[in-house]
């Protein structure tokens, strides 16, 4: 049972790292190509210090890797599976939106329980 607890804790840590909109945005940009902190700051509108904090979380969870090149650090995703995970979640959200839209449409076709008063 202990192994399952550890496994779920690790899952939770990765999902927590993915749970911030700006970190997802960073992942999106790193999915296009490796970038340094200055480039990410410019793209996201965040300060370099804030970008650094987000990158630290992503690195600690093994989602992002830093390649040092002189005084610069170039960041990249550790695996294409990081983007695949985000894509699966996007598809899940789209499925939920479609289901909600279909339910909303079905409810619009239901006869109201009481008639609205006419003025």
PDB file of N, CA and C in Angstrom:
ATOM      1  N   UNK A   1       0.819  -1.196   0.000  1.00  0.00           N
ATOM      2  CA  UNK A   1       0.000   0.000   0.000  1.00  0.00           C
ATOM      3  C   UNK A   1       0.862   1.258   0.000  1.00  0.00           C
ATOM      4  N   UNK A   2       2.034   1.189   0.646  1.00  0.00           N
ATOM      5  CA  UNK A   2       2.926   2.341   0.724  1.00  0.00           C
ATOM      6  C   UNK A   2       3.356   2.807  -0.665  1.00  0.00           C
ATOM      7  N   UNK A   3       3.656   1.856  -1.575  1.00  0.00           N
ATOM      8  CA  UNK A   3       4.069   2.211  -2.926  1.00  0.00           C
ATOM      9  C   UNK A   3       2.994   3.009  -3.646  1.00  0.00           C
ATOM     10  N   UNK A   4       1.735   2.636  -3.457  1.00  0.00           N
ATOM     11  CA  UNK A   4       0.646   3.380  -4.086  1.00  0.00           C
ATOM     12  C   UNK A   4       0.560   4.786  -3.525  1.00  0.00           C
ATOM     13  N   UNK A   5       0.777   4.939  -2.240  1.00  0.00           N
ATOM     14  CA  UNK A   5       0.744   6.267  -1.619  1.00  0.00           C
ATOM     15  C   UNK A   5       1.835   7.150  -2.203  1.00  0.00           C
ATOM     16  N   UNK A   6       3.020   6.601  -2.350  1.00  0.00           N
ATOM     17  CA  UNK A   6       4.134   7.349  -2.939  1.00  0.00           C
ATOM     18  C   UNK A   6       3.814   7.710  -4.386  1.00  0.00           C
ATOM     19  N   UNK A   7       3.274   6.758  -5.125  1.00  0.00           N
ATOM     20  CA  UNK A   7       2.928   7.004  -6.529  1.00  0.00           C
ATOM     21  C   UNK A   7       1.924   8.145  -6.648  1.00  0.00           C
ATOM     22  N   UNK A   8       0.898   8.127  -5.834  1.00  0.00           N
ATOM     23  CA  UNK A   8      -0.112   9.189  -5.909  1.00  0.00           C
ATOM     24  C   UNK A   8       0.453  10.533  -5.458  1.00  0.00           C
ATOM     25  N   UNK A   9       1.366  10.505  -4.512  1.00  0.00           N
ATOM     26  CA  UNK A   9       2.015  11.744  -4.075  1.00  0.00           C
ATOM     27  C   UNK A   9       2.835  12.338  -5.216  1.00  0.00           C
ATOM     28  N   UNK A  10       3.545  11.481  -5.955  1.00  0.00           N
ATOM     29  CA  UNK A  10       4.325  11.959  -7.098  1.00  0.00           C
ATOM     30  C   UNK A  10       3.417  12.508  -8.188  1.00  0.00           C
ATOM     31  N   UNK A  11       2.317  11.831  -8.457  1.00  0.00           N
ATOM     32  CA  UNK A  11       1.339  12.339  -9.427  1.00  0.00           C
ATOM     33  C   UNK A  11       0.864  13.721  -8.999  1.00  0.00           C
ATOM     34  N   UNK A  12       0.543  13.837  -7.736  1.00  0.00           N
ATOM     35  CA  UNK A  12       0.023  15.089  -7.201  1.00  0.00           C
ATOM     36  C   UNK A  12       1.020  16.231  -7.376  1.00  0.00           C
ATOM     37  N   UNK A  13       2.296  15.949  -7.159  1.00  0.00           N
ATOM     38  CA  UNK A  13       3.320  16.981  -7.307  1.00  0.00           C
ATOM     39  C   UNK A  13       3.425  17.459  -8.753  1.00  0.00           C
ATOM     40  N   UNK A  14       3.347  16.545  -9.702  1.00  0.00           N
ATOM     41  CA  UNK A  14       3.410  16.932 -11.111  1.00  0.00           C
ATOM     42  C   UNK A  14       2.173  17.750 -11.477  1.00  0.00           C
ATOM     43  N   UNK A  15       1.003  17.293 -11.053  1.00  0.00           N
ATOM     44  CA  UNK A  15      -0.216  18.043 -11.367  1.00  0.00           C
ATOM     45  C   UNK A  15      -0.213  19.411 -10.697  1.00  0.00           C
ATOM     46  N   UNK A  16       0.352  19.508  -9.503  1.00  0.00           N
ATOM     47  CA  UNK A  16       0.452  20.813  -8.828  1.00  0.00           C
ATOM     48  C   UNK A  16       1.339  21.757  -9.636  1.00  0.00           C
ATOM     49  N   UNK A  17       2.419  21.233 -10.201  1.00  0.00           N
ATOM     50  CA  UNK A  17       3.295  22.065 -11.026  1.00  0.00           C
ATOM     51  C   UNK A  17       2.577  22.537 -12.282  1.00  0.00           C
ATOM     52  N   UNK A  18       1.677  21.716 -12.800  1.00  0.00           N
ATOM     53  CA  UNK A  18       0.921  22.073 -14.005  1.00  0.00           C
ATOM     54  C   UNK A  18      -0.309  22.920 -13.698  1.00  0.00           C
ATOM     55  N   UNK A  19      -0.600  23.137 -12.439  1.00  0.00           N
ATOM     56  CA  UNK A  19      -1.856  23.779 -12.050  1.00  0.00           C
ATOM     57  C   UNK A  19      -1.831  25.302 -12.130  1.00  0.00           C
ATOM     58  N   UNK A  20      -0.732  25.889 -12.544  1.00  0.00           N
ATOM     59  CA  UNK A  20      -0.647  27.352 -12.619  1.00  0.00           C
ATOM     60  C   UNK A  20      -0.711  27.794 -14.081  1.00  0.00           C
ATOM     61  N   UNK A  21      -1.589  28.744 -14.407  1.00  0.00           N
ATOM     62  CA  UNK A  21      -1.731  29.177 -15.808  1.00  0.00           C
ATOM     63  C   UNK A  21      -0.422  29.670 -16.438  1.00  0.00           C
ATOM     64  N   UNK A  22       0.393  30.388 -15.711  1.00  0.00           N
ATOM     65  CA  UNK A  22       1.644  30.898 -16.275  1.00  0.00           C
ATOM     66  C   UNK A  22       2.640  29.774 -16.525  1.00  0.00           C
ATOM     67  N   UNK A  23       2.621  28.748 -15.681  1.00  0.00           N
ATOM     68  CA  UNK A  23       3.509  27.612 -15.924  1.00  0.00           C
ATOM     69  C   UNK A  23       3.062  26.851 -17.173  1.00  0.00           C
ATOM     70  N   UNK A  24       1.761  26.758 -17.380  1.00  0.00           N
ATOM     71  CA  UNK A  24       1.260  26.132 -18.609  1.00  0.00           C
ATOM     72  C   UNK A  24       1.658  26.960 -19.828  1.00  0.00           C
ATOM     73  N   UNK A  25       1.618  28.276 -19.679  1.00  0.00           N
ATOM     74  CA  UNK A  25       2.037  29.151 -20.769  1.00  0.00           C
ATOM     75  C   UNK A  25       3.528  28.950 -21.075  1.00  0.00           C
ATOM     76  N   UNK A  26       4.336  28.848 -20.039  1.00  0.00           N
ATOM     77  CA  UNK A  26       5.770  28.595 -20.207  1.00  0.00           C
ATOM     78  C   UNK A  26       5.982  27.265 -20.941  1.00  0.00           C
ATOM     79  N   UNK A  27       5.248  26.243 -20.531  1.00  0.00           N
ATOM     80  CA  UNK A  27       5.347  24.936 -21.183  1.00  0.00           C
ATOM     81  C   UNK A  27       4.977  25.059 -22.658  1.00  0.00           C
ATOM     82  N   UNK A  28       3.943  25.826 -22.952  1.00  0.00           N
ATOM     83  CA  UNK A  28       3.530  26.044 -24.341  1.00  0.00           C
ATOM     84  C   UNK A  28       4.692  26.625 -25.152  1.00  0.00           C
ATOM     85  N   UNK A  29       5.319  27.671 -24.631  1.00  0.00           N
ATOM     86  CA  UNK A  29       6.423  28.309 -25.364  1.00  0.00           C
ATOM     87  C   UNK A  29       7.631  27.393 -25.476  1.00  0.00           C
ATOM     88  N   UNK A  30       7.921  26.632 -24.440  1.00  0.00           N
ATOM     89  CA  UNK A  30       9.041  25.702 -24.507  1.00  0.00           C
ATOM     90  C   UNK A  30       8.749  24.531 -25.440  1.00  0.00           C
ATOM     91  N   UNK A  31       7.478  24.255 -25.662  1.00  0.00           N
ATOM     92  CA  UNK A  31       7.097  23.223 -26.624  1.00  0.00           C
ATOM     93  C   UNK A  31       7.406  23.638 -28.050  1.00  0.00           C
ATOM     94  N   UNK A  32       7.461  24.955 -28.294  1.00  0.00           N
ATOM     95  CA  UNK A  32       7.807  25.464 -29.628  1.00  0.00           C
ATOM     96  C   UNK A  32       9.304  25.353 -29.876  1.00  0.00           C
ATOM     97  N   UNK A  33      10.097  25.736 -28.865  1.00  0.00           N
ATOM     98  CA  UNK A  33      11.567  25.710 -28.973  1.00  0.00           C
ATOM     99  C   UNK A  33      12.153  26.074 -27.623  1.00  0.00           C
ATOM    100  N   UNK A  34      13.422  25.691 -27.397  1.00  0.00           N
ATOM    101  CA  UNK A  34      14.068  26.082 -26.145  1.00  0.00           C
ATOM    102  C   UNK A  34      14.198  27.596 -26.100  1.00  0.00           C
ATOM    103  N   UNK A  35      14.144  28.130 -24.880  1.00  0.00           N
ATOM    104  CA  UNK A  35      14.203  29.576 -24.696  1.00  0.00           C
ATOM    105  C   UNK A  35      14.962  29.878 -23.414  1.00  0.00           C
ATOM    106  N   UNK A  36      15.486  31.106 -23.324  1.00  0.00           N
ATOM    107  CA  UNK A  36      16.099  31.536 -22.068  1.00  0.00           C
ATOM    108  C   UNK A  36      15.071  32.309 -21.249  1.00  0.00           C
ATOM    109  N   UNK A  37      15.430  32.634 -20.021  1.00  0.00           N
ATOM    110  CA  UNK A  37      14.484  33.291 -19.104  1.00  0.00           C
ATOM    111  C   UNK A  37      14.032  34.645 -19.642  1.00  0.00           C
ATOM    112  N   UNK A  38      14.942  35.388 -20.269  1.00  0.00           N
ATOM    113  CA  UNK A  38      14.577  36.687 -20.826  1.00  0.00           C
ATOM    114  C   UNK A  38      13.528  36.568 -21.914  1.00  0.00           C
ATOM    115  N   UNK A  39      13.682  35.583 -22.777  1.00  0.00           N
ATOM    116  CA  UNK A  39      12.696  35.355 -23.840  1.00  0.00           C
ATOM    117  C   UNK A  39      11.343  34.974 -23.245  1.00  0.00           C
ATOM    118  N   UNK A  40      11.375  34.104 -22.250  1.00  0.00           N
ATOM    119  CA  UNK A  40      10.119  33.690 -21.610  1.00  0.00           C
ATOM    120  C   UNK A  40       9.449  34.862 -20.897  1.00  0.00           C
ATOM    121  N   UNK A  41      10.251  35.706 -20.260  1.00  0.00           N
ATOM    122  CA  UNK A  41       9.699  36.887 -19.577  1.00  0.00           C
ATOM    123  C   UNK A  41       9.003  37.798 -20.581  1.00  0.00           C
ATOM    124  N   UNK A  42       9.656  37.998 -21.719  1.00  0.00           N
ATOM    125  CA  UNK A  42       9.070  38.862 -22.756  1.00  0.00           C
ATOM    126  C   UNK A  42       7.776  38.271 -23.308  1.00  0.00           C
ATOM    127  N   UNK A  43       7.775  36.967 -23.556  1.00  0.00           N
ATOM    128  CA  UNK A  43       6.600  36.302 -24.123  1.00  0.00           C
ATOM    129  C   UNK A  43       5.417  36.277 -23.153  1.00  0.00           C
ATOM    130  N   UNK A  44       5.701  36.093 -21.867  1.00  0.00           N
ATOM    131  CA  UNK A  44       4.620  35.929 -20.880  1.00  0.00           C
ATOM    132  C   UNK A  44       4.224  37.235 -20.191  1.00  0.00           C
ATOM    133  N   UNK A  45       5.102  38.247 -20.277  1.00  0.00           N
ATOM    134  CA  UNK A  45       4.823  39.504 -19.572  1.00  0.00           C
ATOM    135  C   UNK A  45       5.190  39.452 -18.097  1.00  0.00           C
ATOM    136  N   UNK A  46       5.893  38.416 -17.684  1.00  0.00           N
ATOM    137  CA  UNK A  46       6.325  38.287 -16.295  1.00  0.00           C
ATOM    138  C   UNK A  46       7.740  38.843 -16.132  1.00  0.00           C
ATOM    139  N   UNK A  47       8.099  39.156 -14.902  1.00  0.00           N
ATOM    140  CA  UNK A  47       9.469  39.577 -14.618  1.00  0.00           C
ATOM    141  C   UNK A  47      10.388  38.356 -14.699  1.00  0.00           C
ATOM    142  N   UNK A  48      11.679  38.600 -14.887  1.00  0.00           N
ATOM    143  CA  UNK A  48      12.639  37.487 -14.918  1.00  0.00           C
ATOM    144  C   UNK A  48      12.631  36.727 -13.596  1.00  0.00           C
ATOM    145  N   UNK A  49      12.486  37.456 -12.496  1.00  0.00           N
ATOM    146  CA  UNK A  49      12.452  36.804 -11.178  1.00  0.00           C
ATOM    147  C   UNK A  49      11.253  35.863 -11.077  1.00  0.00           C
ATOM    148  N   UNK A  50      10.101  36.304 -11.568  1.00  0.00           N
ATOM    149  CA  UNK A  50       8.901  35.471 -11.521  1.00  0.00           C
ATOM    150  C   UNK A  50       9.048  34.263 -12.439  1.00  0.00           C
ATOM    151  N   UNK A  51       9.595  34.488 -13.620  1.00  0.00           N
ATOM    152  CA  UNK A  51       9.849  33.376 -14.547  1.00  0.00           C
ATOM    153  C   UNK A  51      10.769  32.355 -13.887  1.00  0.00           C
ATOM    154  N   UNK A  52      11.801  32.842 -13.224  1.00  0.00           N
ATOM    155  CA  UNK A  52      12.759  31.967 -12.557  1.00  0.00           C
ATOM    156  C   UNK A  52      12.072  31.101 -11.504  1.00  0.00           C
ATOM    157  N   UNK A  53      11.153  31.687 -10.758  1.00  0.00           N
ATOM    158  CA  UNK A  53      10.418  30.923  -9.741  1.00  0.00           C
ATOM    159  C   UNK A  53       9.593  29.817 -10.391  1.00  0.00           C
ATOM    160  N   UNK A  54       8.882  30.164 -11.469  1.00  0.00           N
ATOM    161  CA  UNK A  54       8.062  29.162 -12.156  1.00  0.00           C
ATOM    162  C   UNK A  54       8.934  28.064 -12.763  1.00  0.00           C
ATOM    163  N   UNK A  55      10.056  28.454 -13.360  1.00  0.00           N
ATOM    164  CA  UNK A  55      10.957  27.465 -13.938  1.00  0.00           C
ATOM    165  C   UNK A  55      11.528  26.537 -12.865  1.00  0.00           C
ATOM    166  N   UNK A  56      11.783  27.070 -11.688  1.00  0.00           N
ATOM    167  CA  UNK A  56      12.288  26.240 -10.581  1.00  0.00           C
ATOM    168  C   UNK A  56      11.284  25.154 -10.209  1.00  0.00           C
ATOM    169  N   UNK A  57      10.016  25.512 -10.170  1.00  0.00           N
ATOM    170  CA  UNK A  57       8.967  24.526  -9.868  1.00  0.00           C
ATOM    171  C   UNK A  57       8.934  23.458 -10.961  1.00  0.00           C
ATOM    172  N   UNK A  58       8.958  23.897 -12.213  1.00  0.00           N
ATOM    173  CA  UNK A  58       8.899  22.953 -13.325  1.00  0.00           C
ATOM    174  C   UNK A  58      10.135  22.060 -13.373  1.00  0.00           C
ATOM    175  N   UNK A  59      11.298  22.615 -13.057  1.00  0.00           N
ATOM    176  CA  UNK A  59      12.530  21.812 -13.021  1.00  0.00           C
ATOM    177  C   UNK A  59      12.486  20.805 -11.877  1.00  0.00           C
ATOM    178  N   UNK A  60      12.008  21.237 -10.714  1.00  0.00           N
ATOM    179  CA  UNK A  60      11.949  20.353  -9.545  1.00  0.00           C
ATOM    180  C   UNK A  60      11.042  19.143  -9.802  1.00  0.00           C
ATOM    181  N   UNK A  61      10.052  19.320 -10.646  1.00  0.00           N
ATOM    182  CA  UNK A  61       9.113  18.232 -10.955  1.00  0.00           C
ATOM    183  C   UNK A  61       9.543  17.444 -12.188  1.00  0.00           C
ATOM    184  N   UNK A  62      10.714  17.804 -12.754  1.00  0.00           N
ATOM    185  CA  UNK A  62      11.243  17.053 -13.890  1.00  0.00           C
ATOM    186  C   UNK A  62      10.559  17.320 -15.209  1.00  0.00           C
ATOM    187  N   UNK A  63       9.893  18.469 -15.315  1.00  0.00           N
ATOM    188  CA  UNK A  63       9.182  18.796 -16.550  1.00  0.00           C
ATOM    189  C   UNK A  63      10.020  19.651 -17.494  1.00  0.00           C
ATOM    190  N   UNK A  64      10.983  20.372 -16.928  1.00  0.00           N
ATOM    191  CA  UNK A  64      11.825  21.297 -17.694  1.00  0.00           C
ATOM    192  C   UNK A  64      13.284  21.034 -17.324  1.00  0.00           C
ATOM    193  N   UNK A  65      14.158  21.169 -18.319  1.00  0.00           N
ATOM    194  CA  UNK A  65      15.597  21.002 -18.092  1.00  0.00           C
ATOM    195  C   UNK A  65      16.313  22.278 -18.520  1.00  0.00           C
ATOM    196  N   UNK A  66      17.398  22.589 -17.830  1.00  0.00           N
ATOM    197  CA  UNK A  66      18.201  23.772 -18.123  1.00  0.00           C
ATOM    198  C   UNK A  66      19.533  23.332 -18.720  1.00  0.00           C
ATOM    199  N   UNK A  67      19.842  23.856 -19.906  1.00  0.00           N
ATOM    200  CA  UNK A  67      21.146  23.643 -20.533  1.00  0.00           C
ATOM    201  C   UNK A  67      21.923  24.937 -20.404  1.00  0.00           C
ATOM    202  N   UNK A  68      23.035  24.906 -19.671  1.00  0.00           N
ATOM    203  CA  UNK A  68      23.843  26.117 -19.487  1.00  0.00           C
ATOM    204  C   UNK A  68      24.713  26.330 -20.719  1.00  0.00           C
ATOM    205  N   UNK A  69      24.703  27.578 -21.175  1.00  0.00           N
ATOM    206  CA  UNK A  69      25.499  27.955 -22.339  1.00  0.00           C
ATOM    207  C   UNK A  69      26.143  29.294 -22.011  1.00  0.00           C
ATOM    208  N   UNK A  70      27.344  29.244 -21.473  1.00  0.00           N
ATOM    209  CA  UNK A  70      27.987  30.481 -21.019  1.00  0.00           C
ATOM    210  C   UNK A  70      27.246  31.027 -19.814  1.00  0.00           C
ATOM    211  N   UNK A  71      26.828  32.274 -19.899  1.00  0.00           N
ATOM    212  CA  UNK A  71      26.091  32.881 -18.791  1.00  0.00           C
ATOM    213  C   UNK A  71      24.589  32.660 -18.911  1.00  0.00           C
ATOM    214  N   UNK A  72      24.156  32.081 -20.025  1.00  0.00           N
ATOM    215  CA  UNK A  72      22.728  31.861 -20.248  1.00  0.00           C
ATOM    216  C   UNK A  72      22.321  30.440 -19.910  1.00  0.00           C
ATOM    217  N   UNK A  73      21.094  30.306 -19.494  1.00  0.00           N
ATOM    218  CA  UNK A  73      20.470  28.999 -19.336  1.00  0.00           C
ATOM    219  C   UNK A  73      19.378  28.895 -20.388  1.00  0.00           C
ATOM    220  N   UNK A  74      19.448  27.866 -21.180  1.00  0.00           N
ATOM    221  CA  UNK A  74      18.404  27.612 -22.168  1.00  0.00           C
ATOM    222  C   UNK A  74      17.519  26.505 -21.616  1.00  0.00           C
ATOM    223  N   UNK A  75      16.230  26.786 -21.565  1.00  0.00           N
ATOM    224  CA  UNK A  75      15.275  25.845 -20.984  1.00  0.00           C
ATOM    225  C   UNK A  75      14.558  25.093 -22.093  1.00  0.00           C
ATOM    226  N   UNK A  76      14.297  23.838 -21.800  1.00  0.00           N
ATOM    227  CA  UNK A  76      13.562  22.997 -22.735  1.00  0.00           C
ATOM    228  C   UNK A  76      12.730  21.994 -21.939  1.00  0.00           C
ATOM    229  N   UNK A  77      11.722  21.443 -22.586  1.00  0.00           N
ATOM    230  CA  UNK A  77      10.925  20.401 -21.952  1.00  0.00           C
ATOM    231  C   UNK A  77      11.761  19.128 -21.866  1.00  0.00           C
ATOM    232  N   UNK A  78      11.579  18.375 -20.821  1.00  0.00           N
ATOM    233  CA  UNK A  78      12.344  17.141 -20.647  1.00  0.00           C
ATOM    234  C   UNK A  78      11.850  16.021 -21.553  1.00  0.00           C
ATOM    235  N   UNK A  79      10.598  16.128 -21.991  1.00  0.00           N
ATOM    236  CA  UNK A  79      10.011  15.062 -22.804  1.00  0.00           C
ATOM    237  C   UNK A  79       8.818  15.611 -23.584  1.00  0.00           C
ATOM    238  N   UNK A  80       8.564  15.082 -24.771  1.00  0.00           N
ATOM    239  CA  UNK A  80       7.350  15.476 -25.497  1.00  0.00           C
ATOM    240  C   UNK A  80       6.083  15.059 -24.749  1.00  0.00           C
ATOM    241  N   UNK A  81       6.229  14.151 -23.791  1.00  0.00           N
ATOM    242  CA  UNK A  81       5.073  13.698 -23.016  1.00  0.00           C
ATOM    243  C   UNK A  81       4.492  14.817 -22.160  1.00  0.00           C
ATOM    244  N   UNK A  82       5.304  15.828 -21.863  1.00  0.00           N
ATOM    245  CA  UNK A  82       4.794  16.985 -21.105  1.00  0.00           C
ATOM    246  C   UNK A  82       3.697  17.659 -21.935  1.00  0.00           C
ATOM    247  N   UNK A  83       3.989  17.909 -23.210  1.00  0.00           N
ATOM    248  CA  UNK A  83       2.981  18.514 -24.094  1.00  0.00           C
ATOM    249  C   UNK A  83       1.815  17.560 -24.341  1.00  0.00           C
ATOM    250  N   UNK A  84       2.104  16.272 -24.474  1.00  0.00           N
ATOM    251  CA  UNK A  84       1.039  15.286 -24.676  1.00  0.00           C
ATOM    252  C   UNK A  84       0.071  15.295 -23.502  1.00  0.00           C
ATOM    253  N   UNK A  85       0.594  15.414 -22.294  1.00  0.00           N
ATOM    254  CA  UNK A  85      -0.251  15.480 -21.101  1.00  0.00           C
ATOM    255  C   UNK A  85      -1.163  16.705 -21.164  1.00  0.00           C
ATOM    256  N   UNK A  86      -0.585  17.844 -21.532  1.00  0.00           N
ATOM    257  CA  UNK A  86      -1.382  19.073 -21.648  1.00  0.00           C
ATOM    258  C   UNK A  86      -2.446  18.927 -22.732  1.00  0.00           C
ATOM    259  N   UNK A  87      -2.099  18.258 -23.817  1.00  0.00           N
ATOM    260  CA  UNK A  87      -3.061  18.054 -24.910  1.00  0.00           C
ATOM    261  C   UNK A  87      -4.212  17.156 -24.464  1.00  0.00           C
ATOM    262  N   UNK A  88      -3.917  16.125 -23.688  1.00  0.00           N
ATOM    263  CA  UNK A  88      -4.971  15.244 -23.177  1.00  0.00           C
ATOM    264  C   UNK A  88      -5.931  16.027 -22.284  1.00  0.00           C
ATOM    265  N   UNK A  89      -5.383  16.882 -21.438  1.00  0.00           N
ATOM    266  CA  UNK A  89      -6.228  17.697 -20.558  1.00  0.00           C
ATOM    267  C   UNK A  89      -7.071  18.667 -21.391  1.00  0.00           C
ATOM    268  N   UNK A  90      -6.463  19.261 -22.450  1.00  0.00           N
ATOM    269  CA  UNK A  90      -7.217  20.164 -23.333  1.00  0.00           C
ATOM    270  C   UNK A  90      -8.387  19.425 -23.976  1.00  0.00           C
ATOM    271  N   UNK A  91      -8.139  18.206 -24.437  1.00  0.00           N
ATOM    272  CA  UNK A  91      -9.202  17.409 -25.044  1.00  0.00           C
ATOM    273  C   UNK A  91     -10.295  17.089 -24.030  1.00  0.00           C
ATOM    274  N   UNK A  92      -9.909  16.792 -22.805  1.00  0.00           N
ATOM    275  CA  UNK A  92     -10.882  16.538 -21.745  1.00  0.00           C
ATOM    276  C   UNK A  92     -11.772  17.761 -21.525  1.00  0.00           C
ATOM    277  N   UNK A  93     -11.147  18.933 -21.482  1.00  0.00           N
ATOM    278  CA  UNK A  93     -11.903  20.179 -21.293  1.00  0.00           C
ATOM    279  C   UNK A  93     -12.850  20.404 -22.463  1.00  0.00           C
ATOM    280  N   UNK A  94     -12.383  20.178 -23.688  1.00  0.00           N
ATOM    281  CA  UNK A  94     -13.245  20.342 -24.862  1.00  0.00           C
ATOM    282  C   UNK A  94     -14.421  19.367 -24.820  1.00  0.00           C
ATOM    283  N   UNK A  95     -14.172  18.125 -24.407  1.00  0.00           N
ATOM    284  CA  UNK A  95     -15.255  17.144 -24.267  1.00  0.00           C
ATOM    285  C   UNK A  95     -16.290  17.625 -23.245  1.00  0.00           C
ATOM    286  N   UNK A  96     -15.804  18.142 -22.111  1.00  0.00           N
ATOM    287  CA  UNK A  96     -16.716  18.645 -21.080  1.00  0.00           C
ATOM    288  C   UNK A  96     -17.527  19.828 -21.597  1.00  0.00           C
ATOM    289  N   UNK A  97     -16.869  20.708 -22.343  1.00  0.00           N
ATOM    290  CA  UNK A  97     -17.570  21.874 -22.891  1.00  0.00           C
ATOM    291  C   UNK A  97     -18.655  21.433 -23.871  1.00  0.00           C
ATOM    292  N   UNK A  98     -18.343  20.427 -24.694  1.00  0.00           N
ATOM    293  CA  UNK A  98     -19.323  19.923 -25.649  1.00  0.00           C
ATOM    294  C   UNK A  98     -20.508  19.300 -24.913  1.00  0.00           C
ATOM    295  N   UNK A  99     -20.227  18.505 -23.890  1.00  0.00           N
ATOM    296  CA  UNK A  99     -21.293  17.883 -23.105  1.00  0.00           C
ATOM    297  C   UNK A  99     -22.162  18.964 -22.457  1.00  0.00           C
ATOM    298  N   UNK A 100     -21.526  19.970 -21.869  1.00  0.00           N
ATOM    299  CA  UNK A 100     -22.286  21.057 -21.237  1.00  0.00           C
ATOM    300  C   UNK A 100     -23.112  21.812 -22.265  1.00  0.00           C
ATOM    301  N   UNK A 101     -22.567  22.019 -23.443  1.00  0.00           N
ATOM    302  CA  UNK A 101     -23.287  22.711 -24.507  1.00  0.00           C
ATOM    303  C   UNK A 101     -24.502  21.900 -24.949  1.00  0.00           C
ATOM    304  N   UNK A 102     -24.318  20.589 -25.082  1.00  0.00           N
ATOM    305  CA  UNK A 102     -25.435  19.724 -25.473  1.00  0.00           C
ATOM    306  C   UNK A 102     -26.513  19.700 -24.403  1.00  0.00           C
ATOM    307  N   UNK A 103     -26.098  19.678 -23.126  1.00  0.00           N
ATOM    308  CA  UNK A 103     -27.078  19.713 -22.037  1.00  0.00           C
ATOM    309  C   UNK A 103     -27.832  21.032 -22.030  1.00  0.00           C
ATOM    310  N   UNK A 104     -27.107  22.115 -22.245  1.00  0.00           N
ATOM    311  CA  UNK A 104     -27.741  23.432 -22.276  1.00  0.00           C
ATOM    312  C   UNK A 104     -28.742  23.518 -23.422  1.00  0.00           C
ATOM    313  N   UNK A 105     -28.374  22.982 -24.571  1.00  0.00           N
ATOM    314  CA  UNK A 105     -29.274  22.985 -25.722  1.00  0.00           C
ATOM    315  C   UNK A 105     -30.512  22.148 -25.442  1.00  0.00           C
ATOM    316  N   UNK A 106     -30.318  20.990 -24.816  1.00  0.00           N
ATOM    317  CA  UNK A 106     -31.450  20.124 -24.485  1.00  0.00           C
ATOM    318  C   UNK A 106     -32.389  20.812 -23.494  1.00  0.00           C
ATOM    319  N   UNK A 107     -31.814  21.528 -22.523  1.00  0.00           N
ATOM    320  CA  UNK A 107     -32.644  22.229 -21.538  1.00  0.00           C
ATOM    321  C   UNK A 107     -33.447  23.361 -22.171  1.00  0.00           C
ATOM    322  N   UNK A 108     -32.918  23.966 -23.204  1.00  0.00           N
ATOM    323  CA  UNK A 108     -33.634  25.052 -23.864  1.00  0.00           C
ATOM    324  C   UNK A 108     -34.876  24.543 -24.580  1.00  0.00           C
ATOM    325  N   UNK A 109     -34.874  23.256 -24.920  1.00  0.00           N
ATOM    326  CA  UNK A 109     -36.007  22.662 -25.614  1.00  0.00           C
ATOM    327  C   UNK A 109     -37.071  22.104 -24.667  1.00  0.00           C
ATOM    328  N   UNK A 110     -36.794  22.134 -23.371  1.00  0.00           N
ATOM    329  CA  UNK A 110     -37.749  21.649 -22.385  1.00  0.00           C
ATOM    330  C   UNK A 110     -38.784  22.741 -22.127  1.00  0.00           C
ATOM    331  N   UNK A 111     -40.042  22.338 -22.049  1.00  0.00           N
ATOM    332  CA  UNK A 111     -41.107  23.294 -21.757  1.00  0.00           C
ATOM    333  C   UNK A 111     -40.913  23.806 -20.332  1.00  0.00           C
ATOM    334  N   UNK A 112     -40.944  25.112 -20.141  1.00  0.00           N
ATOM    335  CA  UNK A 112     -40.769  25.637 -18.786  1.00  0.00           C
ATOM    336  C   UNK A 112     -41.862  25.125 -17.851  1.00  0.00           C
ATOM    337  N   UNK A 113     -41.516  24.961 -16.575  1.00  0.00           N
ATOM    338  CA  UNK A 113     -42.478  24.463 -15.599  1.00  0.00           C
ATOM    339  C   UNK A 113     -43.598  25.464 -15.357  1.00  0.00           C
ATOM    340  N   UNK A 114     -43.300  26.730 -15.437  1.00  0.00           N
ATOM    341  CA  UNK A 114     -44.348  27.736 -15.281  1.00  0.00           C
ATOM    342  C   UNK A 114     -44.180  28.778 -16.371  1.00  0.00           C
ATOM    343  N   UNK A 115     -45.259  29.251 -16.825  1.00  0.00           N
ATOM    344  CA  UNK A 115     -45.243  30.248 -17.900  1.00  0.00           C
ATOM    345  C   UNK A 115     -44.817  31.587 -17.358  1.00  0.00           C
ATOM    346  N   UNK A 116     -44.028  32.316 -18.155  1.00  0.00           N
ATOM    347  CA  UNK A 116     -43.651  33.656 -17.753  1.00  0.00           C
ATOM    348  C   UNK A 116     -44.857  34.566 -17.878  1.00  0.00           C
ATOM    349  N   UNK A 117     -44.972  35.489 -16.956  1.00  0.00           N
ATOM    350  CA  UNK A 117     -46.084  36.440 -16.995  1.00  0.00           C
ATOM    351  C   UNK A 117     -45.891  37.427 -18.123  1.00  0.00           C
ATOM    352  N   UNK A 118     -46.939  37.684 -18.824  1.00  0.00           N
ATOM    353  CA  UNK A 118     -46.894  38.668 -19.892  1.00  0.00           C
ATOM    354  C   UNK A 118     -47.383  39.989 -19.371  1.00  0.00           C
ATOM    355  N   UNK A 119     -46.739  41.039 -19.801  1.00  0.00           N
ATOM    356  CA  UNK A 119     -47.129  42.383 -19.335  1.00  0.00           C
ATOM    357  C   UNK A 119     -48.133  43.009 -20.235  1.00  0.00           C
TER     358      UNK A 119
END
